[in-house]
Amino acid sequence: MSEQEWHVASLVVHCRPESMPAAIDAIEQLPGAEVPVSGEQGKLVVALEGPDQQHIVRHIDAIALMDGILSTTLIYHEFAGPEAGKEPA
């Protein structure tokens, strides 16, 4: 296991319904980002993962600035440190 942290986050992103296909495509171009759920009214669930908090924050900022995005709301954030997955001695 790497000595780095690993971060996982999820967002609810609200976009203009007519912009939804382009928004999903743009979001999924970001490394470690996917849109597992989308609704007809322009609401998306976005999953992010990456090696550090800055990676997550940069992606949230990038999504917020994309064309057609109305809002982003962080719903969940968790990280595992270097000790994760190691058995106690």
N, C-alpha and C. Protein backbone atom coordinates (compact mmCIF):
# COMPACT_ATOMS: atom_id res chain seq x y z
N MET A 1 0.84 -1.19 0.00
CA MET A 1 0.00 0.00 0.00
C MET A 1 0.88 1.24 0.00
N SER A 2 0.46 2.25 -0.70
CA SER A 2 1.17 3.52 -0.78
C SER A 2 1.17 4.21 0.57
N GLU A 3 2.15 5.08 0.79
CA GLU A 3 2.22 5.85 2.02
C GLU A 3 1.38 7.12 1.95
N GLN A 4 0.56 7.26 0.90
CA GLN A 4 -0.27 8.45 0.74
C GLN A 4 -1.67 8.21 1.31
N GLU A 5 -2.36 9.31 1.53
CA GLU A 5 -3.79 9.25 1.84
C GLU A 5 -4.54 8.96 0.55
N TRP A 6 -5.77 8.51 0.68
CA TRP A 6 -6.65 8.36 -0.48
C TRP A 6 -7.99 8.95 -0.10
N HIS A 7 -8.49 9.89 -0.92
CA HIS A 7 -9.71 10.62 -0.62
C HIS A 7 -10.84 10.19 -1.55
N VAL A 8 -12.04 10.10 -0.97
CA VAL A 8 -13.25 9.79 -1.71
C VAL A 8 -14.29 10.83 -1.30
N ALA A 9 -14.97 11.39 -2.28
CA ALA A 9 -16.00 12.40 -1.99
C ALA A 9 -17.16 12.23 -2.95
N SER A 10 -18.32 12.72 -2.52
CA SER A 10 -19.47 12.75 -3.43
C SER A 10 -20.12 14.13 -3.34
N LEU A 11 -20.68 14.53 -4.48
CA LEU A 11 -21.32 15.83 -4.61
C LEU A 11 -22.70 15.64 -5.22
N VAL A 12 -23.57 16.56 -4.92
CA VAL A 12 -24.78 16.73 -5.71
C VAL A 12 -24.55 17.99 -6.54
N VAL A 13 -24.68 17.83 -7.84
CA VAL A 13 -24.45 18.93 -8.77
C VAL A 13 -25.76 19.21 -9.49
N HIS A 14 -26.16 20.46 -9.49
CA HIS A 14 -27.38 20.86 -10.19
C HIS A 14 -26.95 21.63 -11.43
N CYS A 15 -27.43 21.18 -12.59
CA CYS A 15 -27.09 21.87 -13.83
C CYS A 15 -28.37 22.14 -14.61
N ARG A 16 -28.26 22.97 -15.61
CA ARG A 16 -29.40 23.21 -16.49
C ARG A 16 -29.72 21.90 -17.20
N PRO A 17 -30.98 21.50 -17.24
CA PRO A 17 -31.32 20.22 -17.87
C PRO A 17 -30.80 20.09 -19.30
N GLU A 18 -30.85 21.17 -20.06
CA GLU A 18 -30.37 21.11 -21.44
C GLU A 18 -28.85 20.97 -21.53
N SER A 19 -28.15 21.26 -20.43
CA SER A 19 -26.69 21.16 -20.39
C SER A 19 -26.20 19.83 -19.81
N MET A 20 -27.15 19.00 -19.37
CA MET A 20 -26.77 17.79 -18.65
C MET A 20 -25.84 16.86 -19.43
N PRO A 21 -26.12 16.51 -20.69
CA PRO A 21 -25.20 15.60 -21.38
C PRO A 21 -23.77 16.15 -21.49
N ALA A 22 -23.63 17.42 -21.81
CA ALA A 22 -22.30 18.03 -21.91
C ALA A 22 -21.63 18.11 -20.54
N ALA A 23 -22.42 18.39 -19.51
CA ALA A 23 -21.86 18.48 -18.15
C ALA A 23 -21.35 17.12 -17.70
N ILE A 24 -22.13 16.08 -17.93
CA ILE A 24 -21.69 14.73 -17.56
C ILE A 24 -20.40 14.38 -18.28
N ASP A 25 -20.35 14.66 -19.57
CA ASP A 25 -19.14 14.35 -20.35
C ASP A 25 -17.94 15.12 -19.80
N ALA A 26 -18.11 16.40 -19.52
CA ALA A 26 -17.00 17.22 -19.01
C ALA A 26 -16.54 16.73 -17.64
N ILE A 27 -17.48 16.40 -16.77
CA ILE A 27 -17.12 15.92 -15.43
C ILE A 27 -16.36 14.61 -15.53
N GLU A 28 -16.82 13.70 -16.37
CA GLU A 28 -16.17 12.40 -16.46
C GLU A 28 -14.82 12.45 -17.17
N GLN A 29 -14.47 13.60 -17.73
CA GLN A 29 -13.12 13.79 -18.29
C GLN A 29 -12.09 14.06 -17.20
N LEU A 30 -12.56 14.46 -16.01
CA LEU A 30 -11.65 14.73 -14.90
C LEU A 30 -11.14 13.41 -14.33
N PRO A 31 -9.84 13.27 -14.10
CA PRO A 31 -9.31 12.03 -13.54
C PRO A 31 -9.94 11.73 -12.17
N GLY A 32 -10.44 10.53 -12.00
CA GLY A 32 -11.02 10.12 -10.72
C GLY A 32 -12.45 10.59 -10.52
N ALA A 33 -13.12 11.07 -11.56
CA ALA A 33 -14.50 11.56 -11.43
C ALA A 33 -15.44 10.69 -12.25
N GLU A 34 -16.62 10.46 -11.71
CA GLU A 34 -17.67 9.78 -12.47
C GLU A 34 -19.03 10.28 -12.02
N VAL A 35 -20.02 10.10 -12.88
CA VAL A 35 -21.40 10.49 -12.60
C VAL A 35 -22.23 9.21 -12.60
N PRO A 36 -22.38 8.57 -11.42
CA PRO A 36 -23.13 7.32 -11.39
C PRO A 36 -24.64 7.49 -11.47
N VAL A 37 -25.15 8.69 -11.13
CA VAL A 37 -26.60 8.91 -11.11
C VAL A 37 -26.90 10.28 -11.71
N SER A 38 -27.92 10.34 -12.57
CA SER A 38 -28.38 11.62 -13.10
C SER A 38 -29.90 11.60 -13.15
N GLY A 39 -30.49 12.77 -12.95
CA GLY A 39 -31.93 12.91 -12.98
C GLY A 39 -32.37 13.83 -14.10
N GLU A 40 -33.61 13.70 -14.50
CA GLU A 40 -34.14 14.47 -15.62
C GLU A 40 -34.15 15.97 -15.37
N GLN A 41 -34.19 16.39 -14.13
CA GLN A 41 -34.27 17.81 -13.81
C GLN A 41 -32.90 18.48 -13.70
N GLY A 42 -31.84 17.76 -14.08
CA GLY A 42 -30.51 18.36 -14.07
C GLY A 42 -29.71 18.11 -12.81
N LYS A 43 -30.16 17.18 -11.97
CA LYS A 43 -29.39 16.86 -10.77
C LYS A 43 -28.52 15.65 -11.03
N LEU A 44 -27.27 15.76 -10.60
CA LEU A 44 -26.28 14.71 -10.79
C LEU A 44 -25.65 14.34 -9.47
N VAL A 45 -25.34 13.07 -9.29
CA VAL A 45 -24.49 12.64 -8.20
C VAL A 45 -23.12 12.42 -8.82
N VAL A 46 -22.11 13.05 -8.24
CA VAL A 46 -20.75 12.97 -8.75
C VAL A 46 -19.87 12.32 -7.69
N ALA A 47 -19.14 11.29 -8.08
CA ALA A 47 -18.18 10.64 -7.20
C ALA A 47 -16.78 11.07 -7.61
N LEU A 48 -15.98 11.45 -6.63
CA LEU A 48 -14.59 11.87 -6.86
C LEU A 48 -13.67 11.04 -6.00
N GLU A 49 -12.49 10.72 -6.52
CA GLU A 49 -11.47 10.09 -5.71
C GLU A 49 -10.11 10.57 -6.17
N GLY A 50 -9.19 10.60 -5.21
CA GLY A 50 -7.86 11.07 -5.55
C GLY A 50 -6.90 10.97 -4.38
N PRO A 51 -5.65 11.30 -4.61
CA PRO A 51 -4.60 11.07 -3.62
C PRO A 51 -4.53 12.08 -2.48
N ASP A 52 -5.21 13.22 -2.61
CA ASP A 52 -5.14 14.22 -1.54
C ASP A 52 -6.34 15.15 -1.60
N GLN A 53 -6.49 15.92 -0.54
CA GLN A 53 -7.62 16.85 -0.45
C GLN A 53 -7.59 17.90 -1.55
N GLN A 54 -6.41 18.36 -1.92
CA GLN A 54 -6.30 19.37 -2.97
C GLN A 54 -6.86 18.85 -4.30
N HIS A 55 -6.63 17.58 -4.59
CA HIS A 55 -7.17 16.97 -5.81
C HIS A 55 -8.70 17.09 -5.82
N ILE A 56 -9.32 16.77 -4.70
CA ILE A 56 -10.78 16.83 -4.58
C ILE A 56 -11.25 18.28 -4.72
N VAL A 57 -10.62 19.19 -4.02
CA VAL A 57 -11.03 20.60 -4.06
C VAL A 57 -10.87 21.19 -5.46
N ARG A 58 -9.77 20.85 -6.15
CA ARG A 58 -9.58 21.34 -7.52
C ARG A 58 -10.69 20.85 -8.44
N HIS A 59 -11.09 19.61 -8.27
CA HIS A 59 -12.17 19.07 -9.10
C HIS A 59 -13.51 19.73 -8.78
N ILE A 60 -13.79 19.95 -7.51
CA ILE A 60 -15.03 20.63 -7.12
C ILE A 60 -15.06 22.03 -7.73
N ASP A 61 -13.94 22.74 -7.63
CA ASP A 61 -13.86 24.09 -8.21
C ASP A 61 -14.04 24.04 -9.73
N ALA A 62 -13.41 23.08 -10.39
CA ALA A 62 -13.52 22.96 -11.85
C ALA A 62 -14.97 22.67 -12.27
N ILE A 63 -15.62 21.79 -11.53
CA ILE A 63 -17.02 21.46 -11.85
C ILE A 63 -17.91 22.69 -11.67
N ALA A 64 -17.70 23.44 -10.59
CA ALA A 64 -18.52 24.62 -10.32
C ALA A 64 -18.41 25.66 -11.44
N LEU A 65 -17.27 25.69 -12.12
CA LEU A 65 -17.05 26.69 -13.18
C LEU A 65 -17.45 26.21 -14.58
N MET A 66 -17.90 24.96 -14.69
CA MET A 66 -18.28 24.44 -16.01
C MET A 66 -19.56 25.09 -16.51
N ASP A 67 -19.67 25.20 -17.83
CA ASP A 67 -20.87 25.76 -18.45
C ASP A 67 -22.10 24.95 -18.05
N GLY A 68 -23.15 25.66 -17.68
CA GLY A 68 -24.42 25.02 -17.36
C GLY A 68 -24.57 24.55 -15.93
N ILE A 69 -23.49 24.61 -15.13
CA ILE A 69 -23.57 24.18 -13.73
C ILE A 69 -24.15 25.32 -12.90
N LEU A 70 -25.19 25.00 -12.12
CA LEU A 70 -25.84 25.99 -11.27
C LEU A 70 -25.33 25.95 -9.84
N SER A 71 -25.05 24.73 -9.32
CA SER A 71 -24.55 24.62 -7.95
C SER A 71 -23.86 23.28 -7.75
N THR A 72 -22.96 23.25 -6.77
CA THR A 72 -22.32 22.01 -6.33
C THR A 72 -22.41 21.97 -4.81
N THR A 73 -22.75 20.81 -4.28
CA THR A 73 -22.85 20.64 -2.84
C THR A 73 -22.09 19.38 -2.43
N LEU A 74 -21.10 19.55 -1.57
CA LEU A 74 -20.36 18.41 -1.05
C LEU A 74 -21.26 17.65 -0.08
N ILE A 75 -21.43 16.36 -0.33
CA ILE A 75 -22.29 15.53 0.51
C ILE A 75 -21.47 14.63 1.42
N TYR A 76 -20.34 14.16 0.94
CA TYR A 76 -19.56 13.16 1.67
C TYR A 76 -18.09 13.33 1.34
N HIS A 77 -17.24 13.19 2.35
CA HIS A 77 -15.78 13.19 2.13
C HIS A 77 -15.15 12.30 3.18
N GLU A 78 -14.34 11.37 2.72
CA GLU A 78 -13.63 10.47 3.63
C GLU A 78 -12.23 10.27 3.09
N PHE A 79 -11.29 10.04 3.99
CA PHE A 79 -9.96 9.70 3.52
C PHE A 79 -9.39 8.59 4.38
N ALA A 80 -8.54 7.81 3.75
CA ALA A 80 -7.82 6.74 4.44
C ALA A 80 -6.36 7.13 4.47
N GLY A 81 -5.77 7.04 5.64
CA GLY A 81 -4.35 7.34 5.79
C GLY A 81 -3.51 6.13 5.45
N PRO A 82 -2.20 6.26 5.61
CA PRO A 82 -1.29 5.16 5.28
C PRO A 82 -1.54 3.90 6.11
N GLU A 83 -2.18 4.05 7.26
CA GLU A 83 -2.42 2.90 8.13
C GLU A 83 -3.60 2.05 7.67
N ALA A 84 -4.44 2.58 6.80
CA ALA A 84 -5.64 1.86 6.37
C ALA A 84 -5.25 0.54 5.70
N GLY A 85 -5.96 -0.49 6.08
CA GLY A 85 -5.73 -1.80 5.47
C GLY A 85 -4.64 -2.61 6.15
N LYS A 86 -3.92 -2.00 7.10
CA LYS A 86 -2.88 -2.73 7.81
C LYS A 86 -3.49 -3.40 9.03
N GLU A 87 -3.06 -4.62 9.30
CA GLU A 87 -3.53 -5.32 10.48
C GLU A 87 -2.74 -4.88 11.69
N PRO A 88 -3.42 -4.81 12.86
CA PRO A 88 -2.69 -4.41 14.07
C PRO A 88 -1.62 -5.44 14.42
N ALA A 89 -0.53 -4.94 14.98
CA ALA A 89 0.59 -5.83 15.35
C ALA A 89 0.29 -6.62 16.59
